[in-house]
Amino acid sequence: MLTRPAVLLRSEEAALLATIVVIYQHLHYSWLLFAILFFIPDLFMLGYALNVRLGAAMYNLVHTLTLPFVLLLASYLKDWPLSSEIALVWTAHIAADRLLGYGLKYPTFFKDTHLQHIPENKVESLVT
């Protein structure tokens, strides 16, 4: 396992996702809000409707951990509980995406990610 980077990266993302869920529960945040916000970052895929380069840039902007971590830090420093809730959901979304193999996008094709090239039948194989 230690010589298989894909397994290691997915293990890290699983651990991050589990940690976020435990923290979220511990803080008694709203699971309804979690469900509502969870897929919001994927709306940034709409940039692909204009062109691949813009789509990759928009998608990557909201699928890196930098912005939710900055929001989490700001929420702590300014005592903004809603911001920390949003940051945790955002981080959970990123971890779940990467756990499933959906990484940051290259400006060549939507399915070219930093983790892998996603084959056409990836979704079908996950369902069956």
N, C-alpha and C. Protein backbone atom coordinates (compact mmCIF):
# COMPACT_ATOMS: atom_id res chain seq x y z
N MET A 1 0.82 -1.20 0.00
CA MET A 1 0.00 0.00 0.00
C MET A 1 0.86 1.25 0.00
N LEU A 2 1.97 1.25 0.71
CA LEU A 2 2.80 2.44 0.81
C LEU A 2 3.49 2.80 -0.50
N THR A 3 3.44 1.92 -1.46
CA THR A 3 4.01 2.21 -2.77
C THR A 3 2.93 2.51 -3.81
N ARG A 4 1.70 2.68 -3.34
CA ARG A 4 0.59 2.99 -4.25
C ARG A 4 0.03 4.35 -3.89
N PRO A 5 0.53 5.43 -4.53
CA PRO A 5 0.10 6.79 -4.20
C PRO A 5 -1.41 7.01 -4.28
N ALA A 6 -2.07 6.40 -5.24
CA ALA A 6 -3.52 6.59 -5.36
C ALA A 6 -4.25 6.08 -4.12
N VAL A 7 -3.81 4.96 -3.58
CA VAL A 7 -4.43 4.41 -2.37
C VAL A 7 -4.13 5.33 -1.18
N LEU A 8 -2.92 5.81 -1.10
CA LEU A 8 -2.55 6.71 0.00
C LEU A 8 -3.36 8.01 -0.05
N LEU A 9 -3.49 8.59 -1.24
CA LEU A 9 -4.25 9.83 -1.37
C LEU A 9 -5.71 9.62 -1.02
N ARG A 10 -6.29 8.51 -1.46
CA ARG A 10 -7.69 8.25 -1.14
C ARG A 10 -7.87 7.97 0.36
N SER A 11 -6.88 7.33 0.98
CA SER A 11 -6.93 7.10 2.43
C SER A 11 -6.91 8.42 3.19
N GLU A 12 -6.08 9.34 2.74
CA GLU A 12 -6.04 10.66 3.37
C GLU A 12 -7.38 11.36 3.25
N GLU A 13 -7.97 11.30 2.07
CA GLU A 13 -9.26 11.98 1.86
C GLU A 13 -10.37 11.33 2.69
N ALA A 14 -10.33 10.02 2.82
CA ALA A 14 -11.32 9.33 3.67
C ALA A 14 -11.16 9.77 5.12
N ALA A 15 -9.92 9.87 5.58
CA ALA A 15 -9.67 10.32 6.95
C ALA A 15 -10.12 11.76 7.14
N LEU A 16 -9.85 12.61 6.16
CA LEU A 16 -10.28 14.01 6.26
C LEU A 16 -11.80 14.10 6.29
N LEU A 17 -12.46 13.37 5.42
CA LEU A 17 -13.93 13.39 5.38
C LEU A 17 -14.51 12.90 6.70
N ALA A 18 -13.99 11.81 7.22
CA ALA A 18 -14.49 11.28 8.50
C ALA A 18 -14.25 12.28 9.63
N THR A 19 -13.10 12.92 9.64
CA THR A 19 -12.79 13.92 10.67
C THR A 19 -13.76 15.09 10.59
N ILE A 20 -14.02 15.57 9.39
CA ILE A 20 -14.95 16.70 9.20
C ILE A 20 -16.34 16.32 9.69
N VAL A 21 -16.81 15.13 9.38
CA VAL A 21 -18.14 14.69 9.81
C VAL A 21 -18.22 14.62 11.33
N VAL A 22 -17.18 14.11 11.97
CA VAL A 22 -17.15 14.02 13.44
C VAL A 22 -17.16 15.43 14.06
N ILE A 23 -16.34 16.32 13.52
CA ILE A 23 -16.30 17.70 14.04
C ILE A 23 -17.65 18.37 13.83
N TYR A 24 -18.23 18.20 12.66
CA TYR A 24 -19.52 18.80 12.33
C TYR A 24 -20.59 18.33 13.32
N GLN A 25 -20.61 17.04 13.58
CA GLN A 25 -21.56 16.49 14.54
C GLN A 25 -21.29 17.01 15.95
N HIS A 26 -20.03 17.04 16.33
CA HIS A 26 -19.65 17.51 17.67
C HIS A 26 -20.08 18.95 17.91
N LEU A 27 -20.04 19.78 16.88
CA LEU A 27 -20.42 21.18 17.00
C LEU A 27 -21.93 21.39 16.87
N HIS A 28 -22.66 20.31 16.66
CA HIS A 28 -24.13 20.33 16.56
C HIS A 28 -24.61 21.24 15.43
N TYR A 29 -23.90 21.19 14.31
CA TYR A 29 -24.31 21.97 13.15
C TYR A 29 -25.46 21.27 12.45
N SER A 30 -26.14 22.00 11.58
CA SER A 30 -27.34 21.52 10.90
C SER A 30 -27.00 20.56 9.76
N TRP A 31 -27.55 19.35 9.84
CA TRP A 31 -27.36 18.38 8.77
C TRP A 31 -28.18 18.76 7.54
N LEU A 32 -29.25 19.49 7.74
CA LEU A 32 -30.03 19.98 6.60
C LEU A 32 -29.18 20.97 5.81
N LEU A 33 -28.52 21.89 6.50
CA LEU A 33 -27.64 22.84 5.82
C LEU A 33 -26.49 22.10 5.14
N PHE A 34 -25.97 21.07 5.78
CA PHE A 34 -24.91 20.25 5.18
C PHE A 34 -25.38 19.71 3.83
N ALA A 35 -26.57 19.13 3.82
CA ALA A 35 -27.11 18.54 2.59
C ALA A 35 -27.34 19.61 1.52
N ILE A 36 -27.81 20.77 1.92
CA ILE A 36 -28.09 21.85 0.97
C ILE A 36 -26.79 22.38 0.35
N LEU A 37 -25.77 22.56 1.17
CA LEU A 37 -24.53 23.17 0.71
C LEU A 37 -23.55 22.20 0.04
N PHE A 38 -23.71 20.93 0.27
CA PHE A 38 -22.69 19.95 -0.11
C PHE A 38 -22.33 20.00 -1.60
N PHE A 39 -23.29 20.18 -2.47
CA PHE A 39 -23.00 20.13 -3.91
C PHE A 39 -22.84 21.51 -4.55
N ILE A 40 -22.92 22.58 -3.77
CA ILE A 40 -22.77 23.93 -4.29
C ILE A 40 -21.44 24.11 -5.05
N PRO A 41 -20.31 23.62 -4.55
CA PRO A 41 -19.06 23.82 -5.30
C PRO A 41 -19.10 23.25 -6.73
N ASP A 42 -19.92 22.25 -6.96
CA ASP A 42 -20.00 21.66 -8.29
C ASP A 42 -20.69 22.58 -9.30
N LEU A 43 -21.38 23.61 -8.82
CA LEU A 43 -21.99 24.56 -9.75
C LEU A 43 -20.93 25.30 -10.57
N PHE A 44 -19.71 25.32 -10.05
CA PHE A 44 -18.64 26.00 -10.77
C PHE A 44 -18.19 25.23 -12.00
N MET A 45 -18.73 24.04 -12.22
CA MET A 45 -18.49 23.31 -13.46
C MET A 45 -19.16 24.01 -14.63
N LEU A 46 -20.09 24.90 -14.35
CA LEU A 46 -20.80 25.59 -15.43
C LEU A 46 -19.86 26.40 -16.32
N GLY A 47 -18.68 26.71 -15.81
CA GLY A 47 -17.69 27.39 -16.64
C GLY A 47 -17.31 26.58 -17.87
N TYR A 48 -17.47 25.27 -17.79
CA TYR A 48 -17.18 24.41 -18.93
C TYR A 48 -18.14 24.68 -20.09
N ALA A 49 -19.28 25.27 -19.80
CA ALA A 49 -20.23 25.60 -20.87
C ALA A 49 -19.64 26.66 -21.81
N LEU A 50 -18.75 27.49 -21.27
CA LEU A 50 -18.11 28.52 -22.10
C LEU A 50 -16.86 28.01 -22.79
N ASN A 51 -15.96 27.41 -22.02
CA ASN A 51 -14.79 26.75 -22.60
C ASN A 51 -14.07 25.95 -21.54
N VAL A 52 -13.23 25.04 -21.97
CA VAL A 52 -12.57 24.10 -21.06
C VAL A 52 -11.60 24.83 -20.12
N ARG A 53 -10.87 25.80 -20.63
CA ARG A 53 -9.89 26.51 -19.80
C ARG A 53 -10.58 27.26 -18.66
N LEU A 54 -11.65 27.99 -18.97
CA LEU A 54 -12.39 28.72 -17.94
C LEU A 54 -13.04 27.73 -16.98
N GLY A 55 -13.60 26.66 -17.50
CA GLY A 55 -14.23 25.65 -16.65
C GLY A 55 -13.25 25.05 -15.67
N ALA A 56 -12.05 24.70 -16.13
CA ALA A 56 -11.04 24.13 -15.25
C ALA A 56 -10.62 25.14 -14.19
N ALA A 57 -10.44 26.39 -14.58
CA ALA A 57 -10.03 27.43 -13.63
C ALA A 57 -11.10 27.65 -12.56
N MET A 58 -12.36 27.74 -12.97
CA MET A 58 -13.44 27.96 -12.00
C MET A 58 -13.59 26.75 -11.07
N TYR A 59 -13.55 25.57 -11.65
CA TYR A 59 -13.69 24.35 -10.86
C TYR A 59 -12.55 24.25 -9.84
N ASN A 60 -11.32 24.47 -10.30
CA ASN A 60 -10.16 24.36 -9.41
C ASN A 60 -10.17 25.41 -8.31
N LEU A 61 -10.68 26.60 -8.62
CA LEU A 61 -10.75 27.67 -7.61
C LEU A 61 -11.51 27.21 -6.37
N VAL A 62 -12.62 26.52 -6.57
CA VAL A 62 -13.44 26.12 -5.42
C VAL A 62 -13.20 24.67 -4.99
N HIS A 63 -12.27 24.01 -5.64
CA HIS A 63 -11.96 22.63 -5.24
C HIS A 63 -10.54 22.48 -4.70
N THR A 64 -9.95 23.58 -4.27
CA THR A 64 -8.70 23.51 -3.52
C THR A 64 -9.04 23.82 -2.06
N LEU A 65 -8.25 23.33 -1.18
CA LEU A 65 -8.54 23.50 0.26
C LEU A 65 -8.18 24.89 0.78
N THR A 66 -7.50 25.68 -0.01
CA THR A 66 -7.06 27.00 0.45
C THR A 66 -8.22 27.89 0.88
N LEU A 67 -9.22 28.07 0.05
CA LEU A 67 -10.32 28.98 0.39
C LEU A 67 -11.14 28.51 1.59
N PRO A 68 -11.53 27.24 1.68
CA PRO A 68 -12.27 26.85 2.88
C PRO A 68 -11.42 26.94 4.15
N PHE A 69 -10.11 26.71 4.05
CA PHE A 69 -9.25 26.84 5.23
C PHE A 69 -9.13 28.30 5.66
N VAL A 70 -9.04 29.21 4.68
CA VAL A 70 -9.00 30.64 5.01
C VAL A 70 -10.32 31.06 5.65
N LEU A 71 -11.43 30.57 5.11
CA LEU A 71 -12.74 30.87 5.69
C LEU A 71 -12.85 30.30 7.10
N LEU A 72 -12.34 29.11 7.33
CA LEU A 72 -12.36 28.50 8.66
C LEU A 72 -11.53 29.32 9.65
N LEU A 73 -10.37 29.76 9.22
CA LEU A 73 -9.53 30.60 10.07
C LEU A 73 -10.21 31.92 10.39
N ALA A 74 -10.78 32.55 9.38
CA ALA A 74 -11.50 33.82 9.59
C ALA A 74 -12.68 33.64 10.53
N SER A 75 -13.40 32.53 10.37
CA SER A 75 -14.55 32.28 11.25
C SER A 75 -14.11 32.10 12.70
N TYR A 76 -12.95 31.50 12.89
CA TYR A 76 -12.41 31.34 14.24
C TYR A 76 -11.97 32.68 14.82
N LEU A 77 -11.24 33.45 14.03
CA LEU A 77 -10.72 34.73 14.52
C LEU A 77 -11.83 35.75 14.76
N LYS A 78 -12.87 35.72 13.95
CA LYS A 78 -13.96 36.69 14.06
C LYS A 78 -15.19 36.14 14.78
N ASP A 79 -15.12 34.86 15.19
CA ASP A 79 -16.25 34.20 15.86
C ASP A 79 -17.51 34.24 15.00
N TRP A 80 -17.38 33.72 13.79
CA TRP A 80 -18.49 33.60 12.84
C TRP A 80 -18.87 32.13 12.71
N PRO A 81 -19.79 31.63 13.51
CA PRO A 81 -20.12 30.20 13.47
C PRO A 81 -20.65 29.71 12.12
N LEU A 82 -21.45 30.53 11.45
CA LEU A 82 -21.99 30.09 10.16
C LEU A 82 -20.86 29.89 9.14
N SER A 83 -19.85 30.75 9.20
CA SER A 83 -18.72 30.62 8.28
C SER A 83 -17.95 29.32 8.52
N SER A 84 -17.82 28.94 9.77
CA SER A 84 -17.12 27.67 10.05
C SER A 84 -17.96 26.49 9.57
N GLU A 85 -19.25 26.59 9.69
CA GLU A 85 -20.13 25.53 9.20
C GLU A 85 -19.99 25.39 7.68
N ILE A 86 -19.99 26.51 6.98
CA ILE A 86 -19.83 26.51 5.52
C ILE A 86 -18.46 25.94 5.14
N ALA A 87 -17.43 26.36 5.85
CA ALA A 87 -16.07 25.88 5.55
C ALA A 87 -15.94 24.38 5.76
N LEU A 88 -16.58 23.85 6.79
CA LEU A 88 -16.52 22.41 7.04
C LEU A 88 -17.26 21.62 5.95
N VAL A 89 -18.41 22.12 5.53
CA VAL A 89 -19.15 21.44 4.45
C VAL A 89 -18.34 21.50 3.16
N TRP A 90 -17.75 22.64 2.89
CA TRP A 90 -16.94 22.83 1.68
C TRP A 90 -15.76 21.86 1.68
N THR A 91 -15.10 21.74 2.82
CA THR A 91 -13.96 20.83 2.95
C THR A 91 -14.42 19.38 2.79
N ALA A 92 -15.56 19.05 3.35
CA ALA A 92 -16.10 17.69 3.20
C ALA A 92 -16.38 17.38 1.73
N HIS A 93 -16.91 18.36 1.01
CA HIS A 93 -17.19 18.16 -0.42
C HIS A 93 -15.90 17.86 -1.17
N ILE A 94 -14.86 18.65 -0.91
CA ILE A 94 -13.59 18.45 -1.60
C ILE A 94 -13.02 17.06 -1.28
N ALA A 95 -13.07 16.68 -0.01
CA ALA A 95 -12.56 15.37 0.40
C ALA A 95 -13.35 14.24 -0.27
N ALA A 96 -14.67 14.38 -0.33
CA ALA A 96 -15.49 13.34 -0.97
C ALA A 96 -15.19 13.24 -2.46
N ASP A 97 -15.05 14.39 -3.12
CA ASP A 97 -14.70 14.38 -4.54
C ASP A 97 -13.39 13.64 -4.77
N ARG A 98 -12.38 13.98 -3.99
CA ARG A 98 -11.07 13.36 -4.18
C ARG A 98 -11.08 11.89 -3.78
N LEU A 99 -11.87 11.54 -2.81
CA LEU A 99 -12.00 10.14 -2.43
C LEU A 99 -12.55 9.32 -3.60
N LEU A 100 -13.44 9.91 -4.37
CA LEU A 100 -14.02 9.24 -5.53
C LEU A 100 -13.15 9.37 -6.78
N GLY A 101 -12.04 10.10 -6.67
CA GLY A 101 -11.13 10.22 -7.80
C GLY A 101 -11.34 11.46 -8.65
N TYR A 102 -12.22 12.35 -8.21
CA TYR A 102 -12.45 13.58 -8.96
C TYR A 102 -11.56 14.67 -8.41
N GLY A 103 -10.42 14.84 -9.06
CA GLY A 103 -9.43 15.79 -8.57
C GLY A 103 -9.51 17.11 -9.30
N LEU A 104 -8.48 17.91 -9.12
CA LEU A 104 -8.36 19.19 -9.81
C LEU A 104 -8.23 18.94 -11.30
N LYS A 105 -8.76 19.85 -12.09
CA LYS A 105 -8.87 19.64 -13.53
C LYS A 105 -7.71 20.29 -14.30
N TYR A 106 -7.28 19.59 -15.33
CA TYR A 106 -6.36 20.18 -16.30
C TYR A 106 -7.20 20.87 -17.36
N PRO A 107 -6.67 21.89 -18.02
CA PRO A 107 -7.47 22.61 -19.02
C PRO A 107 -7.54 21.89 -20.37
N THR A 108 -7.44 20.58 -20.37
CA THR A 108 -7.52 19.81 -21.61
C THR A 108 -8.89 19.17 -21.79
N PHE A 109 -9.39 18.56 -20.71
CA PHE A 109 -10.65 17.81 -20.80
C PHE A 109 -11.15 17.62 -19.37
N PHE A 110 -12.43 17.68 -19.15
CA PHE A 110 -13.00 17.61 -17.80
C PHE A 110 -12.53 16.39 -17.01
N LYS A 111 -12.35 15.30 -17.68
CA LYS A 111 -12.01 14.06 -16.97
C LYS A 111 -10.51 13.87 -16.76
N ASP A 112 -9.70 14.84 -17.16
CA ASP A 112 -8.26 14.81 -16.88
C ASP A 112 -8.03 15.53 -15.56
N THR A 113 -7.73 14.75 -14.51
CA THR A 113 -7.56 15.34 -13.18
C THR A 113 -6.16 15.06 -12.65
N HIS A 114 -5.83 15.71 -11.56
CA HIS A 114 -4.51 15.49 -10.96
C HIS A 114 -4.41 14.11 -10.32
N LEU A 115 -5.52 13.44 -10.15
CA LEU A 115 -5.51 12.11 -9.56
C LEU A 115 -5.51 11.00 -10.60
N GLN A 116 -6.18 11.25 -11.72
CA GLN A 116 -6.32 10.20 -12.73
C GLN A 116 -7.04 10.76 -13.94
N HIS A 117 -7.05 9.96 -15.01
CA HIS A 117 -7.96 10.22 -16.12
C HIS A 117 -9.18 9.35 -15.86
N ILE A 118 -10.34 9.97 -15.72
CA ILE A 118 -11.55 9.24 -15.37
C ILE A 118 -12.14 8.61 -16.64
N PRO A 119 -12.22 7.29 -16.68
CA PRO A 119 -12.78 6.63 -17.86
C PRO A 119 -14.27 6.92 -18.00
N GLU A 120 -14.77 6.75 -19.21
CA GLU A 120 -16.17 7.05 -19.51
C GLU A 120 -17.14 6.28 -18.62
N ASN A 121 -16.86 5.05 -18.28
CA ASN A 121 -17.79 4.22 -17.51
C ASN A 121 -17.53 4.28 -16.01
N LYS A 122 -16.82 5.29 -15.51
CA LYS A 122 -16.48 5.41 -14.08
C LYS A 122 -17.76 5.45 -13.23
N VAL A 123 -18.70 6.29 -13.61
CA VAL A 123 -19.93 6.44 -12.83
C VAL A 123 -20.72 5.14 -12.85
N GLU A 124 -20.77 4.51 -14.01
CA GLU A 124 -21.51 3.25 -14.12
C GLU A 124 -20.90 2.18 -13.21
N SER A 125 -19.56 2.13 -13.13
CA SER A 125 -18.92 1.11 -12.32
C SER A 125 -19.10 1.38 -10.82
N LEU A 126 -19.27 2.65 -10.46
CA LEU A 126 -19.52 2.99 -9.06
C LEU A 126 -20.92 2.57 -8.62
N VAL A 127 -21.87 2.64 -9.56
CA VAL A 127 -23.25 2.33 -9.25
C VAL A 127 -23.48 0.84 -9.15
N THR A 128 -22.82 0.05 -10.02
CA THR A 128 -23.05 -1.40 -10.03
C THR A 128 -22.14 -2.13 -9.10
